[in-house]
Structure formats: C-alpha cells, structure tokens
N, C-alpha and C. Protein backbone atom coordinates (compact mmCIF):
# COMPACT_ATOMS: atom_id res chain seq x y z
N UNK A 1 0.85 -1.17 0.00
CA UNK A 1 0.00 0.00 0.00
C UNK A 1 0.90 1.24 0.00
N UNK A 2 0.53 2.22 -0.78
CA UNK A 2 1.26 3.48 -0.89
C UNK A 2 0.56 4.54 -0.05
N UNK A 3 1.30 5.18 0.84
CA UNK A 3 0.73 6.21 1.71
C UNK A 3 1.43 7.53 1.47
N UNK A 4 0.63 8.57 1.23
CA UNK A 4 1.14 9.93 1.11
C UNK A 4 0.75 10.68 2.38
N UNK A 5 1.70 11.43 2.93
CA UNK A 5 1.38 12.25 4.09
C UNK A 5 1.76 13.69 3.80
N UNK A 6 0.78 14.56 3.89
CA UNK A 6 1.00 15.99 3.68
C UNK A 6 1.40 16.61 5.01
N UNK A 7 2.50 17.35 4.99
CA UNK A 7 2.94 18.07 6.19
C UNK A 7 2.91 19.55 5.86
N UNK A 8 1.94 20.28 6.40
CA UNK A 8 1.86 21.71 6.14
C UNK A 8 3.03 22.44 6.79
N UNK A 9 3.42 23.56 6.20
CA UNK A 9 4.55 24.33 6.71
C UNK A 9 4.35 24.73 8.17
N UNK A 10 3.12 25.12 8.54
CA UNK A 10 2.89 25.58 9.91
C UNK A 10 3.08 24.47 10.95
N UNK A 11 3.08 23.21 10.52
CA UNK A 11 3.29 22.10 11.45
C UNK A 11 4.76 22.01 11.89
N UNK A 12 5.68 22.54 11.09
CA UNK A 12 7.10 22.48 11.44
C UNK A 12 7.73 23.86 11.61
N UNK A 13 6.95 24.91 11.39
CA UNK A 13 7.52 26.27 11.41
C UNK A 13 8.13 26.64 12.75
N UNK A 14 7.62 26.11 13.84
CA UNK A 14 8.15 26.43 15.16
C UNK A 14 9.31 25.54 15.58
N UNK A 15 9.65 24.54 14.76
CA UNK A 15 10.72 23.61 15.10
C UNK A 15 12.07 24.16 14.68
N UNK A 16 13.11 23.69 15.33
CA UNK A 16 14.48 24.02 14.92
C UNK A 16 14.77 23.31 13.59
N UNK A 17 15.89 23.63 12.99
CA UNK A 17 16.27 22.96 11.74
C UNK A 17 16.34 21.45 11.95
N UNK A 18 16.98 21.03 13.03
CA UNK A 18 17.09 19.60 13.31
C UNK A 18 15.72 18.99 13.58
N UNK A 19 14.84 19.73 14.22
CA UNK A 19 13.48 19.25 14.47
C UNK A 19 12.71 19.03 13.17
N UNK A 20 12.83 19.96 12.23
CA UNK A 20 12.18 19.80 10.91
C UNK A 20 12.70 18.55 10.22
N UNK A 21 14.02 18.42 10.22
CA UNK A 21 14.65 17.28 9.54
C UNK A 21 14.19 15.97 10.16
N UNK A 22 14.19 15.90 11.47
CA UNK A 22 13.76 14.68 12.18
C UNK A 22 12.30 14.35 11.87
N UNK A 23 11.44 15.36 11.84
CA UNK A 23 10.02 15.15 11.54
C UNK A 23 9.83 14.56 10.15
N UNK A 24 10.49 15.17 9.15
CA UNK A 24 10.36 14.71 7.77
C UNK A 24 10.97 13.32 7.60
N UNK A 25 12.15 13.11 8.17
CA UNK A 25 12.83 11.83 8.03
C UNK A 25 12.09 10.70 8.75
N UNK A 26 11.59 10.98 9.94
CA UNK A 26 10.86 9.93 10.67
C UNK A 26 9.60 9.52 9.92
N UNK A 27 8.95 10.47 9.27
CA UNK A 27 7.76 10.14 8.48
C UNK A 27 8.14 9.27 7.28
N UNK A 28 9.23 9.60 6.61
CA UNK A 28 9.69 8.80 5.46
C UNK A 28 10.11 7.40 5.92
N UNK A 29 10.68 7.30 7.12
CA UNK A 29 11.09 6.00 7.63
C UNK A 29 9.90 5.11 7.98
N UNK A 30 8.71 5.69 8.06
CA UNK A 30 7.47 4.91 8.27
C UNK A 30 6.92 4.41 6.94
N UNK A 31 7.74 4.46 5.89
CA UNK A 31 7.36 4.05 4.53
C UNK A 31 6.22 4.88 3.96
N UNK A 32 6.25 6.17 4.26
CA UNK A 32 5.28 7.12 3.72
C UNK A 32 6.00 8.10 2.80
N UNK A 33 5.31 8.52 1.76
CA UNK A 33 5.84 9.56 0.89
C UNK A 33 5.37 10.89 1.46
N UNK A 34 6.32 11.75 1.76
CA UNK A 34 6.05 13.02 2.41
C UNK A 34 5.88 14.12 1.37
N UNK A 35 4.77 14.84 1.46
CA UNK A 35 4.54 16.04 0.66
C UNK A 35 4.60 17.20 1.63
N UNK A 36 5.73 17.89 1.64
CA UNK A 36 5.97 18.97 2.58
C UNK A 36 5.70 20.30 1.90
N UNK A 37 4.78 21.07 2.45
CA UNK A 37 4.44 22.38 1.92
C UNK A 37 5.55 23.34 2.31
N UNK A 38 6.43 23.61 1.39
CA UNK A 38 7.56 24.49 1.64
C UNK A 38 8.86 23.83 1.24
N UNK A 39 9.94 24.49 1.62
CA UNK A 39 11.27 23.99 1.29
C UNK A 39 12.15 24.07 2.52
N UNK A 40 13.14 23.24 2.52
CA UNK A 40 14.19 23.35 3.53
C UNK A 40 15.25 24.29 2.97
N UNK A 41 16.01 24.93 3.85
CA UNK A 41 17.13 25.74 3.38
C UNK A 41 18.19 24.81 2.81
N UNK A 42 19.13 25.34 2.09
CA UNK A 42 20.22 24.53 1.52
C UNK A 42 20.97 23.80 2.63
N UNK A 43 21.20 24.49 3.75
CA UNK A 43 21.89 23.88 4.88
C UNK A 43 21.07 22.74 5.47
N UNK A 44 19.75 22.94 5.57
CA UNK A 44 18.88 21.89 6.11
C UNK A 44 18.83 20.69 5.16
N UNK A 45 18.82 20.94 3.85
CA UNK A 45 18.84 19.84 2.88
C UNK A 45 20.12 19.03 3.04
N UNK A 46 21.25 19.73 3.17
CA UNK A 46 22.54 19.04 3.34
C UNK A 46 22.54 18.22 4.63
N UNK A 47 21.98 18.77 5.70
CA UNK A 47 21.92 18.05 6.98
C UNK A 47 20.98 16.84 6.87
N UNK A 48 19.86 16.99 6.14
CA UNK A 48 18.94 15.88 5.93
C UNK A 48 19.66 14.73 5.23
N UNK A 49 20.42 15.05 4.21
CA UNK A 49 21.16 14.02 3.47
C UNK A 49 22.20 13.37 4.38
N UNK A 50 22.90 14.18 5.16
CA UNK A 50 23.92 13.65 6.07
C UNK A 50 23.31 12.70 7.09
N UNK A 51 22.22 13.12 7.72
CA UNK A 51 21.56 12.28 8.73
C UNK A 51 21.01 11.01 8.09
N UNK A 52 20.45 11.14 6.91
CA UNK A 52 19.92 9.97 6.20
C UNK A 52 21.02 8.96 5.95
N UNK A 53 22.17 9.41 5.50
CA UNK A 53 23.29 8.51 5.22
C UNK A 53 23.75 7.79 6.49
N UNK A 54 23.72 8.49 7.61
CA UNK A 54 24.12 7.89 8.89
C UNK A 54 23.14 6.83 9.36
N UNK A 55 21.87 6.94 8.95
CA UNK A 55 20.84 6.04 9.45
C UNK A 55 20.51 4.88 8.51
N UNK A 56 21.20 4.79 7.40
CA UNK A 56 20.94 3.69 6.46
C UNK A 56 21.35 2.37 7.10
N UNK A 57 20.45 1.40 6.99
CA UNK A 57 20.72 0.04 7.48
C UNK A 57 19.92 -0.94 6.63
N UNK A 58 19.83 -2.19 7.06
CA UNK A 58 19.13 -3.18 6.23
C UNK A 58 17.64 -2.89 6.10
N UNK A 59 17.05 -2.19 7.06
CA UNK A 59 15.63 -1.87 7.01
C UNK A 59 15.34 -0.53 6.34
N UNK A 60 16.27 0.39 6.44
CA UNK A 60 16.08 1.74 5.88
C UNK A 60 17.15 1.97 4.82
N UNK A 61 16.73 2.05 3.55
CA UNK A 61 17.66 2.15 2.42
C UNK A 61 17.97 3.58 2.01
N UNK A 62 17.39 4.58 2.69
CA UNK A 62 17.64 5.97 2.32
C UNK A 62 16.37 6.62 1.79
N UNK A 63 16.55 7.79 1.15
CA UNK A 63 15.40 8.55 0.64
C UNK A 63 15.67 9.01 -0.79
N UNK A 64 14.59 9.35 -1.46
CA UNK A 64 14.61 10.08 -2.72
C UNK A 64 13.92 11.40 -2.43
N UNK A 65 14.44 12.48 -2.98
CA UNK A 65 13.88 13.79 -2.67
C UNK A 65 13.84 14.66 -3.93
N UNK A 66 12.80 15.48 -4.02
CA UNK A 66 12.69 16.48 -5.08
C UNK A 66 12.06 17.73 -4.49
N UNK A 67 12.52 18.88 -4.96
CA UNK A 67 11.99 20.15 -4.50
C UNK A 67 11.47 20.92 -5.69
N UNK A 68 10.24 21.38 -5.58
CA UNK A 68 9.64 22.23 -6.62
C UNK A 68 9.65 23.64 -6.08
N UNK A 69 10.33 24.52 -6.79
CA UNK A 69 10.48 25.91 -6.36
C UNK A 69 9.85 26.80 -7.42
N UNK A 70 8.65 27.33 -7.17
CA UNK A 70 7.99 28.15 -8.19
C UNK A 70 8.74 29.45 -8.48
N UNK A 71 9.59 29.89 -7.58
CA UNK A 71 10.33 31.13 -7.82
C UNK A 71 11.47 30.93 -8.81
N UNK A 72 11.84 29.68 -9.08
CA UNK A 72 12.93 29.40 -10.02
C UNK A 72 12.45 29.47 -11.47
N UNK A 73 11.15 29.39 -11.68
CA UNK A 73 10.62 29.46 -13.03
C UNK A 73 10.71 30.90 -13.53
N UNK A 74 11.32 31.03 -14.68
CA UNK A 74 11.50 32.37 -15.21
C UNK A 74 10.20 32.90 -15.79
N UNK A 75 9.95 34.15 -15.52
CA UNK A 75 8.74 34.78 -16.02
C UNK A 75 9.13 35.84 -17.04
N UNK A 76 8.41 35.86 -18.15
CA UNK A 76 8.69 36.87 -19.16
C UNK A 76 8.00 38.20 -18.82
N UNK A 77 7.06 38.15 -17.89
CA UNK A 77 6.33 39.34 -17.49
C UNK A 77 7.02 39.97 -16.27
N UNK A 78 7.53 41.18 -16.38
CA UNK A 78 8.22 41.82 -15.25
C UNK A 78 7.33 41.99 -14.03
N UNK A 79 6.04 42.25 -14.24
CA UNK A 79 5.12 42.42 -13.12
C UNK A 79 4.97 41.11 -12.34
N UNK A 80 4.87 40.00 -13.06
CA UNK A 80 4.76 38.70 -12.41
C UNK A 80 6.04 38.38 -11.65
N UNK A 81 7.19 38.67 -12.24
CA UNK A 81 8.47 38.42 -11.58
C UNK A 81 8.58 39.26 -10.30
N UNK A 82 8.15 40.52 -10.35
CA UNK A 82 8.19 41.39 -9.19
C UNK A 82 7.28 40.86 -8.08
N UNK A 83 6.07 40.46 -8.46
CA UNK A 83 5.11 39.90 -7.50
C UNK A 83 5.69 38.64 -6.84
N UNK A 84 6.31 37.77 -7.63
CA UNK A 84 6.89 36.54 -7.10
C UNK A 84 8.04 36.84 -6.13
N UNK A 85 8.83 37.86 -6.46
CA UNK A 85 9.94 38.24 -5.57
C UNK A 85 9.42 38.78 -4.24
N UNK A 86 8.37 39.58 -4.28
CA UNK A 86 7.77 40.11 -3.05
C UNK A 86 7.21 38.95 -2.21
N UNK A 87 6.51 38.04 -2.86
CA UNK A 87 5.94 36.89 -2.15
C UNK A 87 7.05 36.05 -1.52
N UNK A 88 8.15 35.88 -2.23
CA UNK A 88 9.26 35.10 -1.69
C UNK A 88 9.86 35.76 -0.46
N UNK A 89 9.99 37.08 -0.47
CA UNK A 89 10.52 37.80 0.69
C UNK A 89 9.57 37.64 1.88
N UNK A 90 8.28 37.75 1.63
CA UNK A 90 7.29 37.67 2.71
C UNK A 90 7.11 36.25 3.25
N UNK A 91 7.10 35.28 2.36
CA UNK A 91 6.80 33.91 2.77
C UNK A 91 8.03 33.07 3.08
N UNK A 92 9.17 33.47 2.59
CA UNK A 92 10.39 32.71 2.85
C UNK A 92 10.31 31.31 2.27
N UNK A 93 10.61 30.32 3.11
CA UNK A 93 10.66 28.93 2.64
C UNK A 93 9.29 28.28 2.48
N UNK A 94 8.24 29.04 2.66
CA UNK A 94 6.90 28.46 2.51
C UNK A 94 6.59 28.15 1.05
N UNK A 95 7.14 28.92 0.14
CA UNK A 95 6.83 28.68 -1.26
C UNK A 95 7.53 27.42 -1.73
N UNK A 96 6.82 26.63 -2.48
CA UNK A 96 7.39 25.42 -3.04
C UNK A 96 6.80 24.18 -2.41
N UNK A 97 7.31 23.06 -2.85
CA UNK A 97 6.86 21.75 -2.39
C UNK A 97 8.06 20.83 -2.35
N UNK A 98 8.21 20.11 -1.26
CA UNK A 98 9.29 19.14 -1.13
C UNK A 98 8.66 17.76 -1.04
N UNK A 99 9.16 16.85 -1.85
CA UNK A 99 8.68 15.47 -1.85
C UNK A 99 9.83 14.59 -1.37
N UNK A 100 9.56 13.82 -0.33
CA UNK A 100 10.56 12.91 0.22
C UNK A 100 9.92 11.54 0.34
N UNK A 101 10.59 10.55 -0.22
CA UNK A 101 10.07 9.19 -0.13
C UNK A 101 11.16 8.21 0.21
N UNK A 102 10.81 7.13 0.90
CA UNK A 102 11.81 6.12 1.23
C UNK A 102 12.31 5.42 -0.04
N UNK A 103 13.61 5.19 -0.11
CA UNK A 103 14.22 4.61 -1.31
C UNK A 103 13.73 3.19 -1.59
N UNK A 104 13.22 2.49 -0.59
CA UNK A 104 12.70 1.15 -0.85
C UNK A 104 11.34 1.18 -1.54
N UNK A 105 10.70 2.34 -1.59
CA UNK A 105 9.41 2.49 -2.28
C UNK A 105 9.55 3.33 -3.54
N UNK A 106 10.25 4.45 -3.44
CA UNK A 106 10.38 5.39 -4.56
C UNK A 106 11.60 5.01 -5.38
N UNK A 107 11.37 4.72 -6.65
CA UNK A 107 12.47 4.39 -7.54
C UNK A 107 13.11 5.65 -8.08
N UNK A 108 12.27 6.63 -8.44
CA UNK A 108 12.79 7.84 -9.08
C UNK A 108 11.73 8.93 -9.03
N UNK A 109 12.19 10.18 -8.92
CA UNK A 109 11.30 11.33 -9.01
C UNK A 109 11.83 12.20 -10.15
N UNK A 110 11.01 12.38 -11.18
CA UNK A 110 11.39 13.23 -12.31
C UNK A 110 10.54 14.48 -12.26
N UNK A 111 11.17 15.61 -12.55
CA UNK A 111 10.39 16.84 -12.59
C UNK A 111 10.81 17.67 -13.78
N UNK A 112 9.84 18.38 -14.31
CA UNK A 112 10.09 19.38 -15.33
C UNK A 112 9.14 20.53 -15.03
N UNK A 113 9.22 21.62 -15.77
CA UNK A 113 8.40 22.78 -15.40
C UNK A 113 6.89 22.53 -15.34
N UNK A 114 6.39 21.53 -16.06
CA UNK A 114 4.94 21.35 -16.11
C UNK A 114 4.40 20.17 -15.31
N UNK A 115 5.28 19.26 -14.87
CA UNK A 115 4.76 18.10 -14.14
C UNK A 115 5.85 17.47 -13.29
N UNK A 116 5.40 16.61 -12.41
CA UNK A 116 6.30 15.81 -11.59
C UNK A 116 5.86 14.37 -11.72
N UNK A 117 6.80 13.47 -11.85
CA UNK A 117 6.49 12.06 -11.94
C UNK A 117 7.24 11.33 -10.84
N UNK A 118 6.51 10.56 -10.06
CA UNK A 118 7.09 9.77 -8.99
C UNK A 118 6.90 8.31 -9.35
N UNK A 119 8.01 7.62 -9.55
CA UNK A 119 7.97 6.21 -9.93
C UNK A 119 8.25 5.37 -8.70
N UNK A 120 7.37 4.41 -8.44
CA UNK A 120 7.55 3.54 -7.28
C UNK A 120 8.05 2.17 -7.74
N UNK A 121 8.65 1.48 -6.80
CA UNK A 121 9.11 0.12 -7.07
C UNK A 121 7.94 -0.81 -6.91
N UNK A 122 7.93 -1.87 -7.68
CA UNK A 122 6.86 -2.85 -7.61
C UNK A 122 7.07 -3.71 -6.37
N UNK A 123 6.27 -3.48 -5.35
CA UNK A 123 6.41 -4.18 -4.08
C UNK A 123 6.02 -5.65 -4.19
N UNK A 124 5.07 -5.96 -5.06
CA UNK A 124 4.61 -7.35 -5.20
C UNK A 124 5.69 -8.24 -5.76
N UNK A 125 6.39 -7.75 -6.79
CA UNK A 125 7.41 -8.60 -7.40
C UNK A 125 8.58 -8.82 -6.46
N UNK A 126 8.92 -7.81 -5.65
CA UNK A 126 10.03 -7.99 -4.70
C UNK A 126 9.64 -8.98 -3.60
N UNK A 127 8.36 -8.95 -3.18
CA UNK A 127 7.96 -9.92 -2.16
C UNK A 127 7.85 -11.31 -2.75
N UNK A 128 7.44 -11.43 -4.02
CA UNK A 128 7.40 -12.72 -4.69
C UNK A 128 8.80 -13.28 -4.83
N UNK A 129 9.73 -12.42 -5.24
CA UNK A 129 11.09 -12.91 -5.43
C UNK A 129 11.70 -13.33 -4.11
N UNK A 130 11.39 -12.62 -3.03
CA UNK A 130 11.92 -13.01 -1.72
C UNK A 130 11.28 -14.33 -1.27
N UNK A 131 10.00 -14.54 -1.59
CA UNK A 131 9.35 -15.81 -1.25
C UNK A 131 9.98 -16.95 -2.03
N UNK A 132 10.26 -16.72 -3.34
CA UNK A 132 10.87 -17.78 -4.14
C UNK A 132 12.29 -18.06 -3.65
N UNK A 133 12.99 -17.02 -3.18
CA UNK A 133 14.32 -17.22 -2.61
C UNK A 133 14.24 -18.07 -1.35
N UNK A 134 13.23 -17.83 -0.53
CA UNK A 134 13.06 -18.61 0.69
C UNK A 134 12.76 -20.07 0.34
N UNK A 135 11.92 -20.31 -0.70
CA UNK A 135 11.61 -21.67 -1.12
C UNK A 135 12.86 -22.37 -1.62
N UNK A 136 13.71 -21.66 -2.39
CA UNK A 136 14.95 -22.24 -2.88
C UNK A 136 15.86 -22.62 -1.72
N UNK A 137 15.90 -21.78 -0.72
CA UNK A 137 16.74 -22.03 0.43
C UNK A 137 16.25 -23.25 1.21
N UNK A 138 14.95 -23.39 1.35
CA UNK A 138 14.38 -24.52 2.10
C UNK A 138 14.64 -25.84 1.38
N UNK A 139 14.61 -25.83 0.03
CA UNK A 139 14.79 -27.07 -0.73
C UNK A 139 16.21 -27.60 -0.63
N UNK A 140 17.16 -26.75 -0.36
CA UNK A 140 18.57 -27.17 -0.33
C UNK A 140 18.88 -28.00 0.85
C-alpha cells in the first residue's frame, strides 16, 4: 500500500532545523511519501542528506527527494516576476513543495516545469522474489 502524508509548513515552522529534519525523516522511515508544503534551506537539505546517510541500514535504504520551487521558473512578465519576488521575501521557505520518499518504495522522481512524476518500485514482485528465494533455500 502506498501512503502519502501531507505536512503543512505551519506544522514544522516552530521547530528548529534539526526538528524539521527529524520530523520529515521519521515520516519517510514509516514508509510514507512526504509532501511537505515548503522547502528546507540549503543547509537543512545538506543536513537531511547527512543524517539519512548515517541512518541507512538493512531496514532503511535511504530517501529520494525532489523540491519544486515556483520562484525558479523564469517569467517573461516583469510584473509577475516582481510579485513573485515580493511573495518570496514575505513567505520565505513556505513557497514550493518538497517530496521525500523512502528509497525502498520510490524508484525515481522526475520533474520538469509542467509536471512531476514519482515512480515507485513494484512491491509485489520484490515480495514474490523473496518468497521464491526462501523456497529455494528450504529445498537445499
């Protein structure tokens, strides 16, 4: 079963950087795909990756992450660009969307300006193959 969990920005806004990272990572470790309203700072992203690498084990294979930043899209209209810059100053890291998924579920996240594609691993085939491996082991 695939579970998506939306985490609104206001749910983590009062937390420290490490608190935000722990909240997002613990949710991903529950085999849920996290849709976080907002973005982490570059430093927080680096710390998330560092902590994730430290916690990899046989049960937790890591994460896949993608960030959608609407302010990065170039606008040909100067008025729209100005409005987006003002909104970015006022809202800070609230603008955007961060997707974090456990690597044992998410195979790949592709993004382009018009869409995002999240590819998951086929859980049924991996459980079938592990069952067939167990049968092979028992026969020996």
